[in-house]
Amino acid sequence: MLVATDLDGTLVPNAGDVVPAYTASVLRRLDAAGIPVVFVTGRPLRRMEAFWPHVGAHGLAVVSNGAVTFDVAERRIVALSGIDPAPGLALVDDIAAAVPGSWFAVECDDGVRLDPEYVQTYTSGPVPRGPLPEVWDRAAVKVLVRHPEVPPVELQERVSDAVGRRATVTWSVSGLVEISAAGVTKASALADLCSRMGIAATEVTAFGDMPNDLAMLGWAGTAVAVADAHESVLAAADRVALSCHEEGVARVLEELLEGA
């Protein structure tokens, strides 16, 4: 058995860095029982430090929507699937032509780079900012697109049309479009991780709340949505847990422990 869970809006409140006490205790019990828990999140490495004490003895996590698999114990990236600057800049040019006025950020394994207009919510301290051809200097694990005026759903659709099959487009926060390398999803990274561990998809229980979780939920043997999940996730789930605020994931995990 393996448990794969999203973080924001699923295991912890959105943008929070604290794992609630009850949830933390259940995670410790799972680890003691030898059941690996993998955090599978859209967050980048730079926003994961608070969660590393909770990953358990297996010490692995999937971040940046599947672009990075990280060995926590060794503080080492074991797999990275990114977008190189040259093709990435071509994508950005096409998106900018399709949605004039878009803002862009480039998330790399060592931090984020921002175009001159991009308003960043979660960065503390100075970050590289400037024309993307000048600051995009290594493979990007995600390209982020925002727009100050275009409605979120319209922005997602127009960006998807501009990108086509050259990359994977998804979202987890309203008004923020997330672009990964072609074929890269939470599911692709989780499937690779489970293959290396000798765990079949049927042995995986996955938890999520937003559209960027859909591929993972579709791949896993059991898909669980929290009650306050996006409607598309609720429709795709095998079962619905209590809400994130009610620590629904931990309550389902406790049931798994009792049945193990």
Protein backbone atom coordinates (compact mmCIF):
# COMPACT_ATOMS: atom_id res chain seq x y z
CA MET A 1 0.00 0.00 0.00
CA LEU A 2 1.07 3.57 -0.69
CA VAL A 3 -0.68 6.85 0.11
CA ALA A 4 -0.26 9.82 -2.23
CA THR A 5 -1.68 13.12 -1.11
CA ASP A 6 -1.83 16.66 -2.37
CA LEU A 7 -1.03 19.34 0.20
CA ASP A 8 -2.77 22.69 -0.27
CA GLY A 9 -6.52 22.46 0.15
CA THR A 10 -6.27 18.71 0.74
CA LEU A 11 -3.95 17.85 3.62
CA VAL A 12 -3.38 21.42 4.86
CA PRO A 13 -5.20 24.74 4.35
CA ASN A 14 -4.24 26.61 1.20
CA ALA A 15 -0.82 28.29 1.44
CA GLY A 16 -0.40 26.97 5.00
CA ASP A 17 2.88 25.54 6.25
CA VAL A 18 1.62 23.74 9.36
CA VAL A 19 0.38 20.14 9.36
CA PRO A 20 -2.46 19.97 11.92
CA ALA A 21 -1.69 17.95 15.04
CA TYR A 22 -4.20 15.16 14.41
CA THR A 23 -3.07 14.77 10.80
CA ALA A 24 0.58 14.73 11.87
CA SER A 25 -0.14 11.99 14.41
CA VAL A 26 -1.86 9.83 11.79
CA LEU A 27 1.08 10.30 9.40
CA ARG A 28 3.45 9.11 12.13
CA ARG A 29 1.30 6.03 12.71
CA LEU A 30 1.31 5.21 9.00
CA ASP A 31 5.08 5.50 8.91
CA ALA A 32 5.39 3.25 11.97
CA ALA A 33 3.16 0.72 10.21
CA GLY A 34 5.47 0.73 7.20
CA ILE A 35 2.95 2.42 4.88
CA PRO A 36 4.71 5.05 2.75
CA VAL A 37 3.08 8.44 2.31
CA VAL A 38 4.18 10.55 -0.64
CA PHE A 39 3.38 14.24 -0.74
CA VAL A 40 2.46 15.01 -4.36
CA THR A 41 2.07 18.75 -4.74
CA GLY A 42 2.20 21.65 -7.11
CA ARG A 43 4.43 23.48 -4.68
CA PRO A 44 8.06 24.07 -5.66
CA LEU A 45 10.98 22.87 -3.55
CA ARG A 46 11.48 26.33 -2.08
CA ARG A 47 8.10 26.06 -0.31
CA MET A 48 8.46 22.53 1.09
CA GLU A 49 10.89 22.76 4.00
CA ALA A 50 8.15 22.82 6.66
CA PHE A 51 6.75 19.51 5.38
CA TRP A 52 9.91 17.40 5.29
CA PRO A 53 9.60 16.28 8.96
CA HIS A 54 6.28 14.64 8.04
CA VAL A 55 7.27 12.50 5.05
CA GLY A 56 8.35 9.52 7.18
CA ALA A 57 11.16 7.03 6.76
CA HIS A 58 10.66 6.62 2.98
CA GLY A 59 11.69 10.24 2.53
CA LEU A 60 10.32 10.95 -0.95
CA ALA A 61 8.09 13.66 -2.38
CA VAL A 62 6.83 14.76 -5.79
CA VAL A 63 6.73 18.54 -6.25
CA SER A 64 6.05 21.10 -8.98
CA ASN A 65 3.13 19.07 -10.38
CA GLY A 66 5.32 16.05 -11.09
CA ALA A 67 8.37 17.77 -12.55
CA VAL A 68 10.58 16.95 -9.57
CA THR A 69 10.94 13.84 -7.42
CA PHE A 70 12.94 14.60 -4.29
CA ASP A 71 14.84 12.40 -1.84
CA VAL A 72 14.24 14.20 1.44
CA ALA A 73 16.76 12.32 3.57
CA GLU A 74 19.56 13.09 1.11
CA ARG A 75 18.18 16.51 0.08
CA ARG A 76 18.67 15.40 -3.50
CA ILE A 77 16.62 15.59 -6.70
CA VAL A 78 16.29 12.08 -8.08
CA ALA A 79 14.28 13.00 -11.19
CA LEU A 80 13.58 16.26 -13.00
CA SER A 81 11.55 16.82 -16.16
CA GLY A 82 11.73 20.45 -17.22
CA ILE A 83 11.26 22.89 -20.06
CA ASP A 84 14.52 24.16 -21.53
CA PRO A 85 14.83 27.92 -22.12
CA ALA A 86 14.78 27.92 -25.95
CA PRO A 87 11.52 25.99 -26.49
CA GLY A 88 10.12 27.59 -23.36
CA LEU A 89 10.67 31.10 -24.65
CA ALA A 90 8.93 30.11 -27.88
CA LEU A 91 5.93 28.97 -25.82
CA VAL A 92 5.94 32.23 -23.89
CA ASP A 93 6.02 34.23 -27.13
CA ASP A 94 3.01 32.31 -28.46
CA ILE A 95 1.07 32.77 -25.22
CA ALA A 96 1.90 36.49 -25.15
CA ALA A 97 0.61 36.81 -28.71
CA ALA A 98 -2.59 34.90 -27.89
CA VAL A 99 -3.18 36.68 -24.56
CA PRO A 100 -1.51 40.11 -24.70
CA GLY A 101 -0.65 41.55 -21.31
CA SER A 102 0.08 38.18 -19.68
CA TRP A 103 2.56 38.00 -16.83
CA PHE A 104 5.11 35.17 -16.70
CA ALA A 105 7.21 33.47 -14.05
CA VAL A 106 9.67 30.61 -14.49
CA GLU A 107 10.01 28.17 -11.59
CA CYS A 108 13.32 26.27 -11.57
CA ASP A 109 14.72 23.78 -9.10
CA ASP A 110 16.79 26.53 -7.46
CA GLY A 111 14.08 29.20 -7.30
CA VAL A 112 11.83 31.41 -9.37
CA ARG A 113 12.54 34.02 -12.05
CA LEU A 114 10.00 36.76 -12.79
CA ASP A 115 9.30 38.93 -15.78
CA PRO A 116 9.17 42.67 -15.03
CA GLU A 117 5.37 42.73 -14.58
CA TYR A 118 4.72 39.51 -12.66
CA VAL A 119 3.25 39.95 -9.18
CA GLN A 120 4.54 37.09 -7.00
CA THR A 121 2.52 36.10 -3.93
CA TYR A 122 4.67 33.54 -2.14
CA THR A 123 8.24 34.76 -2.59
CA SER A 124 10.14 36.35 0.27
CA GLY A 125 13.31 38.28 -0.37
CA PRO A 126 14.81 39.32 -3.70
CA VAL A 127 14.41 37.08 -6.75
CA PRO A 128 15.77 37.45 -10.30
CA ARG A 129 13.48 39.74 -12.27
CA GLY A 130 13.83 40.93 -15.84
CA PRO A 131 13.09 40.00 -19.45
CA LEU A 132 12.79 36.21 -19.54
CA PRO A 133 15.50 35.74 -22.20
CA GLU A 134 17.91 37.31 -19.69
CA VAL A 135 16.85 35.52 -16.48
CA TRP A 136 15.72 32.09 -17.76
CA ASP A 137 19.03 30.25 -17.53
CA ARG A 138 18.14 26.60 -16.77
CA ALA A 139 15.34 24.06 -17.23
CA ALA A 140 12.05 25.25 -15.77
CA VAL A 141 9.97 22.84 -13.71
CA LYS A 142 6.96 25.10 -14.28
CA VAL A 143 6.08 28.18 -16.29
CA LEU A 144 3.42 30.30 -14.58
CA VAL A 145 1.02 32.62 -16.37
CA ARG A 146 -1.22 35.27 -14.85
CA HIS A 147 -3.19 38.15 -16.31
CA PRO A 148 -4.49 41.22 -14.48
CA GLU A 149 -7.79 41.37 -16.42
CA VAL A 150 -8.62 38.14 -18.28
CA PRO A 151 -11.05 35.94 -16.26
CA PRO A 152 -9.49 32.70 -14.92
CA VAL A 153 -11.41 30.20 -17.05
CA GLU A 154 -10.87 32.23 -20.22
CA LEU A 155 -7.16 32.54 -19.41
CA GLN A 156 -6.83 28.78 -18.96
CA GLU A 157 -8.57 28.11 -22.27
CA ARG A 158 -6.58 30.66 -24.26
CA VAL A 159 -3.25 29.53 -22.82
CA SER A 160 -4.13 25.88 -23.51
CA ASP A 161 -5.00 26.70 -27.10
CA ALA A 162 -1.72 28.57 -27.58
CA VAL A 163 0.37 25.78 -26.06
CA GLY A 164 -1.35 22.84 -27.74
CA ARG A 165 0.46 19.54 -27.22
CA ARG A 166 3.89 21.07 -26.74
CA ALA A 167 3.49 21.14 -22.94
CA THR A 168 1.06 20.19 -20.15
CA VAL A 169 -1.30 22.92 -18.95
CA THR A 170 -3.17 22.74 -15.66
CA TRP A 171 -4.16 24.88 -12.69
CA SER A 172 -4.66 24.67 -8.94
CA VAL A 173 -5.18 28.33 -8.02
CA SER A 174 -7.81 30.47 -9.72
CA GLY A 175 -6.19 32.92 -12.10
CA LEU A 176 -2.85 31.09 -12.23
CA VAL A 177 -2.07 28.80 -15.18
CA GLU A 178 0.69 26.23 -14.60
CA ILE A 179 2.67 24.77 -17.50
CA SER A 180 4.89 21.68 -17.24
CA ALA A 181 6.90 19.78 -19.83
CA ALA A 182 4.87 17.63 -22.22
CA GLY A 183 3.55 14.52 -20.50
CA VAL A 184 4.54 15.67 -17.02
CA THR A 185 1.80 15.36 -14.41
CA LYS A 186 1.49 14.27 -10.82
CA ALA A 187 0.44 10.90 -12.22
CA SER A 188 3.50 10.45 -14.43
CA ALA A 189 5.90 11.11 -11.55
CA LEU A 190 3.93 8.99 -9.09
CA ALA A 191 3.76 6.09 -11.55
CA ASP A 192 7.53 6.23 -12.03
CA LEU A 193 8.14 6.39 -8.28
CA CYS A 194 5.81 3.46 -7.61
CA SER A 195 7.41 1.42 -10.38
CA ARG A 196 10.81 1.83 -8.70
CA MET A 197 9.28 0.81 -5.36
CA GLY A 198 7.47 -2.21 -6.82
CA ILE A 199 4.03 -0.84 -5.96
CA ALA A 200 1.10 -1.27 -8.38
CA ALA A 201 -1.42 1.47 -9.10
CA THR A 202 -4.12 -0.68 -7.52
CA GLU A 203 -2.23 -0.44 -4.20
CA VAL A 204 -2.26 3.38 -4.21
CA THR A 205 -4.82 5.57 -2.45
CA ALA A 206 -4.60 9.18 -3.66
CA PHE A 207 -6.13 12.36 -2.25
CA GLY A 208 -6.73 15.67 -4.01
CA ASP A 209 -8.89 18.74 -4.41
CA MET A 210 -8.05 20.61 -7.63
CA PRO A 211 -7.76 19.95 -11.39
CA ASN A 212 -4.00 19.46 -11.21
CA ASP A 213 -4.79 16.34 -9.11
CA LEU A 214 -7.05 14.74 -11.72
CA ALA A 215 -4.36 12.75 -13.54
CA MET A 216 -3.09 11.32 -10.26
CA LEU A 217 -6.58 10.45 -9.06
CA GLY A 218 -7.33 8.77 -12.37
CA TRP A 219 -4.15 6.68 -12.16
CA ALA A 220 -4.45 5.55 -8.54
CA GLY A 221 -6.42 2.48 -7.53
CA THR A 222 -8.52 4.51 -5.10
CA ALA A 223 -9.24 8.20 -5.62
CA VAL A 224 -10.43 10.31 -2.69
CA ALA A 225 -11.55 13.93 -2.88
CA VAL A 226 -12.03 16.20 0.10
CA ALA A 227 -15.55 17.56 0.46
CA ASP A 228 -14.57 21.10 -0.53
CA ALA A 229 -12.75 19.98 -3.70
CA HIS A 230 -13.32 21.42 -7.16
CA GLU A 231 -16.40 19.96 -8.85
CA SER A 232 -14.30 18.12 -11.46
CA VAL A 233 -12.37 16.36 -8.71
CA LEU A 234 -15.52 15.41 -6.82
CA ALA A 235 -16.88 13.88 -10.02
CA ALA A 236 -13.71 11.84 -10.57
CA ALA A 237 -13.37 10.50 -7.02
CA ASP A 238 -14.24 7.02 -5.80
CA ARG A 239 -15.16 8.48 -2.43
CA VAL A 240 -15.43 11.86 -0.74
CA ALA A 241 -13.77 12.57 2.60
CA LEU A 242 -14.56 15.33 5.04
CA SER A 243 -13.21 18.75 4.12
CA CYS A 244 -9.61 19.88 4.44
CA HIS A 245 -10.62 22.03 7.43
CA GLU A 246 -12.05 18.93 9.11
CA GLU A 247 -8.84 16.95 8.40
CA GLY A 248 -10.74 14.56 6.15
CA VAL A 249 -7.60 12.99 4.69
CA ALA A 250 -6.34 11.98 8.13
CA ARG A 251 -9.72 10.46 9.02
CA VAL A 252 -9.67 8.28 5.90
CA LEU A 253 -6.06 7.33 6.60
CA GLU A 254 -7.01 6.28 10.11
CA GLU A 255 -9.62 3.98 8.59
CA LEU A 256 -6.91 2.46 6.37
CA LEU A 257 -4.74 1.90 9.41
CA GLU A 258 -7.53 0.13 11.24
CA GLY A 259 -8.12 -2.13 8.24
CA ALA A 260 -4.45 -2.87 7.58
